[in-house]
């Protein structure tokens, strides 16, 4: 059995109550990630530190042409040597909340 009780009506004009909230939210901290060139160089360095005979993951040509892509040079190809800022691409600078 469910018992539902409601407020009793009052005599007079009806009254309305409205509340509207609008706010902006920003992150309190931002991630600082290495750019693609720094990442590739440090990754190769870490590999060679662990095993000096290992072939580096990223070739000197890949690092060079990725750098040229970042600079916007004509010999840089963003489809072959992408340099994507994933934090900027995936996350907003702020967000709106409306209620």
C-alpha atoms as a PDB file:
ATOM      1  CA  UNK A   1       0.000   0.000   0.000  1.00  0.00           C
ATOM      2  CA  UNK A   2       1.340   3.457  -0.953  1.00  0.00           C
ATOM      3  CA  UNK A   3       0.091   6.603   0.736  1.00  0.00           C
ATOM      4  CA  UNK A   4       0.597   9.866  -1.157  1.00  0.00           C
ATOM      5  CA  UNK A   5       0.005  13.180   0.588  1.00  0.00           C
ATOM      6  CA  UNK A   6       0.039  16.549  -1.120  1.00  0.00           C
ATOM      7  CA  UNK A   7      -0.068  20.130   0.083  1.00  0.00           C
ATOM      8  CA  UNK A   8      -3.431  21.702   0.597  1.00  0.00           C
ATOM      9  CA  UNK A   9      -4.474  24.534  -1.662  1.00  0.00           C
ATOM     10  CA  UNK A  10      -4.743  28.131  -0.473  1.00  0.00           C
ATOM     11  CA  UNK A  11      -7.309  30.732  -1.332  1.00  0.00           C
ATOM     12  CA  UNK A  12      -6.005  33.606  -3.482  1.00  0.00           C
ATOM     13  CA  UNK A  13      -3.732  34.147  -6.435  1.00  0.00           C
ATOM     14  CA  UNK A  14      -1.435  31.288  -7.393  1.00  0.00           C
ATOM     15  CA  UNK A  15       2.236  31.844  -6.596  1.00  0.00           C
ATOM     16  CA  UNK A  16       5.154  30.524  -8.598  1.00  0.00           C
ATOM     17  CA  UNK A  17       8.714  29.971  -7.564  1.00  0.00           C
ATOM     18  CA  UNK A  18      11.474  29.781 -10.188  1.00  0.00           C
ATOM     19  CA  UNK A  19      15.167  29.126  -9.724  1.00  0.00           C
ATOM     20  CA  UNK A  20      17.771  29.265 -12.495  1.00  0.00           C
ATOM     21  CA  UNK A  21      21.441  28.395 -11.996  1.00  0.00           C
ATOM     22  CA  UNK A  22      24.140  29.010 -14.572  1.00  0.00           C
ATOM     23  CA  UNK A  23      27.796  28.327 -13.816  1.00  0.00           C
ATOM     24  CA  UNK A  24      31.168  27.865 -15.516  1.00  0.00           C
ATOM     25  CA  UNK A  25      33.641  25.217 -14.404  1.00  0.00           C
ATOM     26  CA  UNK A  26      37.351  25.089 -15.159  1.00  0.00           C
ATOM     27  CA  UNK A  27      39.923  22.478 -14.195  1.00  0.00           C
ATOM     28  CA  UNK A  28      41.927  23.219 -11.061  1.00  0.00           C
ATOM     29  CA  UNK A  29      45.048  21.648 -12.552  1.00  0.00           C
ATOM     30  CA  UNK A  30      46.211  21.075 -16.107  1.00  0.00           C
ATOM     31  CA  UNK A  31      48.343  18.182 -17.242  1.00  0.00           C
ATOM     32  CA  UNK A  32      51.700  19.127 -18.659  1.00  0.00           C
ATOM     33  CA  UNK A  33      52.660  16.554 -21.253  1.00  0.00           C
ATOM     34  CA  UNK A  34      55.772  16.371 -23.390  1.00  0.00           C
ATOM     35  CA  UNK A  35      55.482  17.428 -27.012  1.00  0.00           C
ATOM     36  CA  UNK A  36      55.867  14.629 -29.607  1.00  0.00           C
ATOM     37  CA  UNK A  37      59.521  15.399 -30.385  1.00  0.00           C
ATOM     38  CA  UNK A  38      60.601  15.351 -26.730  1.00  0.00           C
ATOM     39  CA  UNK A  39      58.614  12.154 -26.145  1.00  0.00           C
ATOM     40  CA  UNK A  40      60.212  10.334 -29.086  1.00  0.00           C
ATOM     41  CA  UNK A  41      63.741  11.385 -28.103  1.00  0.00           C
ATOM     42  CA  UNK A  42      63.277  10.438 -24.443  1.00  0.00           C
ATOM     43  CA  UNK A  43      61.628   7.111 -25.365  1.00  0.00           C
ATOM     44  CA  UNK A  44      64.602   6.218 -27.568  1.00  0.00           C
ATOM     45  CA  UNK A  45      66.992   7.266 -24.811  1.00  0.00           C
ATOM     46  CA  UNK A  46      65.175   5.126 -22.241  1.00  0.00           C
ATOM     47  CA  UNK A  47      65.302   2.103 -24.561  1.00  0.00           C
ATOM     48  CA  UNK A  48      69.018   2.516 -25.232  1.00  0.00           C
ATOM     49  CA  UNK A  49      69.709   2.959 -21.523  1.00  0.00           C
ATOM     50  CA  UNK A  50      68.084  -0.400 -20.757  1.00  0.00           C
ATOM     51  CA  UNK A  51      69.569  -2.240 -23.736  1.00  0.00           C
ATOM     52  CA  UNK A  52      72.356  -0.538 -25.752  1.00  0.00           C
ATOM     53  CA  UNK A  53      71.955  -3.061 -28.613  1.00  0.00           C
ATOM     54  CA  UNK A  54      68.259  -2.370 -29.158  1.00  0.00           C
ATOM     55  CA  UNK A  55      67.121  -0.547 -32.297  1.00  0.00           C
ATOM     56  CA  UNK A  56      65.407   2.746 -31.335  1.00  0.00           C
ATOM     57  CA  UNK A  57      61.614   2.804 -31.627  1.00  0.00           C
ATOM     58  CA  UNK A  58      61.599   6.157 -33.455  1.00  0.00           C
ATOM     59  CA  UNK A  59      64.020   6.732 -36.324  1.00  0.00           C
ATOM     60  CA  UNK A  60      65.870  10.011 -36.816  1.00  0.00           C
ATOM     61  CA  UNK A  61      63.823  10.585 -40.007  1.00  0.00           C
ATOM     62  CA  UNK A  62      60.532  10.143 -38.135  1.00  0.00           C
ATOM     63  CA  UNK A  63      61.641  12.622 -35.470  1.00  0.00           C
ATOM     64  CA  UNK A  64      62.871  15.095 -38.111  1.00  0.00           C
ATOM     65  CA  UNK A  65      59.736  14.976 -40.276  1.00  0.00           C
ATOM     66  CA  UNK A  66      57.448  15.139 -37.241  1.00  0.00           C
ATOM     67  CA  UNK A  67      59.329  18.289 -36.217  1.00  0.00           C
ATOM     68  CA  UNK A  68      58.832  19.682 -39.724  1.00  0.00           C
ATOM     69  CA  UNK A  69      55.108  18.879 -39.498  1.00  0.00           C
ATOM     70  CA  UNK A  70      54.881  20.810 -36.218  1.00  0.00           C
ATOM     71  CA  UNK A  71      56.642  23.772 -37.856  1.00  0.00           C
ATOM     72  CA  UNK A  72      54.195  23.694 -40.782  1.00  0.00           C
ATOM     73  CA  UNK A  73      56.962  23.098 -43.328  1.00  0.00           C
ATOM     74  CA  UNK A  74      55.982  21.893 -46.828  1.00  0.00           C
ATOM     75  CA  UNK A  75      57.969  18.649 -46.450  1.00  0.00           C
ATOM     76  CA  UNK A  76      56.077  17.785 -43.243  1.00  0.00           C
ATOM     77  CA  UNK A  77      53.090  15.503 -43.802  1.00  0.00           C
ATOM     78  CA  UNK A  78      50.496  15.489 -40.991  1.00  0.00           C
ATOM     79  CA  UNK A  79      49.004  12.214 -42.261  1.00  0.00           C
ATOM     80  CA  UNK A  80      52.313  10.332 -42.216  1.00  0.00           C
ATOM     81  CA  UNK A  81      53.942  12.174 -39.300  1.00  0.00           C
ATOM     82  CA  UNK A  82      51.080  13.302 -37.055  1.00  0.00           C
ATOM     83  CA  UNK A  83      51.724  15.583 -34.109  1.00  0.00           C
ATOM     84  CA  UNK A  84      48.436  15.803 -32.184  1.00  0.00           C
ATOM     85  CA  UNK A  85      47.902  17.737 -28.971  1.00  0.00           C
ATOM     86  CA  UNK A  86      45.487  15.232 -27.427  1.00  0.00           C
ATOM     87  CA  UNK A  87      44.794  17.248 -24.279  1.00  0.00           C
ATOM     88  CA  UNK A  88      43.681  20.239 -26.342  1.00  0.00           C
ATOM     89  CA  UNK A  89      41.720  18.010 -28.712  1.00  0.00           C
ATOM     90  CA  UNK A  90      39.913  15.925 -26.076  1.00  0.00           C
ATOM     91  CA  UNK A  91      39.262  18.359 -23.229  1.00  0.00           C
ATOM     92  CA  UNK A  92      37.524  21.722 -23.093  1.00  0.00           C
ATOM     93  CA  UNK A  93      38.994  24.785 -21.421  1.00  0.00           C
ATOM     94  CA  UNK A  94      35.746  25.236 -19.451  1.00  0.00           C
ATOM     95  CA  UNK A  95      32.242  23.793 -19.262  1.00  0.00           C
ATOM     96  CA  UNK A  96      28.848  25.330 -18.668  1.00  0.00           C
ATOM     97  CA  UNK A  97      26.270  23.997 -16.282  1.00  0.00           C
ATOM     98  CA  UNK A  98      22.666  25.142 -16.425  1.00  0.00           C
ATOM     99  CA  UNK A  99      19.974  24.020 -14.090  1.00  0.00           C
END
